[in-house]
Protein backbone atom coordinates (compact mmCIF):
# COMPACT_ATOMS: atom_id res chain seq x y z
CA MET A 1 -61.38 -57.48 12.77
CA LYS A 2 -63.46 -59.92 14.82
CA GLU A 3 -65.08 -57.06 16.75
CA VAL A 4 -66.28 -55.55 13.48
CA LEU A 5 -67.75 -58.89 12.41
CA ILE A 6 -69.57 -59.24 15.75
CA LYS A 7 -71.05 -55.74 15.30
CA ILE A 8 -72.26 -56.67 11.83
CA LEU A 9 -73.77 -59.94 13.08
CA GLN A 10 -75.44 -58.08 15.95
CA PHE A 11 -76.88 -55.49 13.57
CA LEU A 12 -78.35 -58.28 11.44
CA GLY A 13 -79.63 -60.20 14.49
CA LEU A 14 -77.27 -63.11 13.75
CA ALA A 15 -74.95 -62.84 16.75
CA PHE A 16 -75.17 -65.48 19.45
CA TRP A 17 -76.39 -64.63 22.95
CA VAL A 18 -76.62 -66.52 26.23
CA GLU A 19 -80.18 -66.26 27.54
CA ILE A 20 -80.58 -67.11 31.23
CA VAL A 21 -84.04 -67.31 32.77
CA THR A 22 -84.52 -67.61 36.54
CA ASP A 23 -87.67 -68.62 38.41
CA ASN A 24 -86.80 -66.82 41.64
CA PRO A 25 -86.50 -63.93 41.08
CA ARG A 26 -88.42 -64.09 37.80
CA CYS A 27 -85.84 -62.59 35.44
CA THR A 28 -84.41 -63.00 31.98
CA TYR A 29 -80.80 -62.02 31.35
CA TYR A 30 -78.99 -61.72 28.01
CA PHE A 31 -75.19 -61.92 27.76
CA GLY A 32 -73.33 -61.29 24.52
CA PRO A 33 -73.01 -60.76 21.67
CA PHE A 34 -70.76 -63.62 20.62
CA PHE A 35 -69.30 -64.45 17.21
CA ASP A 36 -70.33 -68.10 17.33
CA GLU A 37 -72.11 -70.65 19.47
CA LYS A 38 -68.84 -72.14 20.73
CA GLU A 39 -67.80 -68.82 22.30
CA ALA A 40 -71.20 -68.38 23.93
CA VAL A 41 -71.10 -71.90 25.39
CA ALA A 42 -67.59 -71.29 26.74
CA ALA A 43 -68.71 -68.08 28.49
CA GLN A 44 -72.02 -69.29 29.93
CA GLY A 45 -70.51 -70.93 33.02
CA GLY A 46 -69.28 -67.63 34.43
CA TYR A 47 -72.67 -65.98 33.95
CA ILE A 48 -74.45 -68.89 35.61
CA GLU A 49 -72.04 -68.80 38.54
CA ASP A 50 -72.59 -65.05 39.04
CA ILE A 51 -76.36 -65.45 39.01
CA GLU A 52 -76.20 -68.42 41.41
CA ASN A 53 -74.01 -66.36 43.76
CA GLU A 54 -76.76 -63.72 43.79
CA GLY A 55 -79.14 -66.40 45.13
CA ALA A 56 -81.19 -67.00 41.99
CA GLN A 57 -83.07 -70.31 41.75
CA GLY A 58 -84.59 -72.29 38.89
CA ILE A 59 -81.99 -71.34 36.30
CA SER A 60 -82.38 -72.33 32.66
CA VAL A 61 -79.94 -71.46 29.89
CA LYS A 62 -80.35 -71.19 26.14
CA ILE A 63 -77.80 -70.21 23.48
CA GLN A 64 -79.47 -68.53 20.56
CA ARG A 65 -79.14 -66.07 17.73
CA CYS A 66 -81.18 -63.02 18.57
CA LYS A 67 -81.12 -59.26 18.96
CA PRO A 68 -82.36 -58.46 22.47
CA ASN A 69 -83.71 -54.96 23.09
CA ASN A 70 -83.19 -55.25 26.84
CA LEU A 71 -80.37 -57.09 28.55
CA THR A 72 -82.22 -57.66 31.83
CA ILE A 73 -85.97 -58.16 32.16
CA PHE A 74 -87.59 -58.30 35.60
CA GLU A 75 -91.09 -59.79 35.74
CA GLU A 76 -93.17 -58.33 38.53
CA ASP A 77 -96.64 -59.28 39.78
CA LEU A 78 -98.14 -56.25 38.06
CA GLY A 79 -96.51 -56.89 34.70
CA GLU A 80 -93.13 -56.87 33.08
CA GLN A 81 -90.60 -54.11 33.65
CA ALA A 82 -87.54 -53.98 31.42
CA LEU A 83 -84.25 -52.33 32.19
CA ASP A 84 -81.93 -51.34 29.37
CA PHE A 85 -78.26 -51.65 30.35
CA SER A 86 -76.93 -51.06 26.84
CA ASN A 87 -75.99 -47.52 27.90
CA PRO A 88 -74.53 -47.83 31.41
CA VAL A 89 -74.45 -44.04 31.92
CA ARG A 90 -78.19 -43.63 31.38
CA GLY A 91 -80.12 -43.14 34.57
CA PHE A 92 -77.32 -41.50 36.52
CA SER A 93 -77.53 -37.82 37.25
CA ARG A 94 -74.59 -35.50 37.60
CA GLN A 95 -74.00 -34.31 41.08
CA ALA A 96 -71.95 -31.32 42.07
CA SER A 97 -68.77 -32.20 43.91
């Protein structure tokens, strides 16, 4: 039942997300959706730890209600390039075995 409620909240843009912004590399990451702020706060530590283990620096975290279009945004010198990881199969081609 809770999963259905999260889907409804996400559709309406009312689900909670953990937004993590790093200075080096310049990236924005979204983790979620979560049913409430308490769940998002409880989960944020693991996401921060993973990003720190990747060597990211200058990490800032915000819990917010939103509806992100892209889950990872890389900012490059020539502009902003967004990657959409909502469909993990996209971008892979089938190869003959």
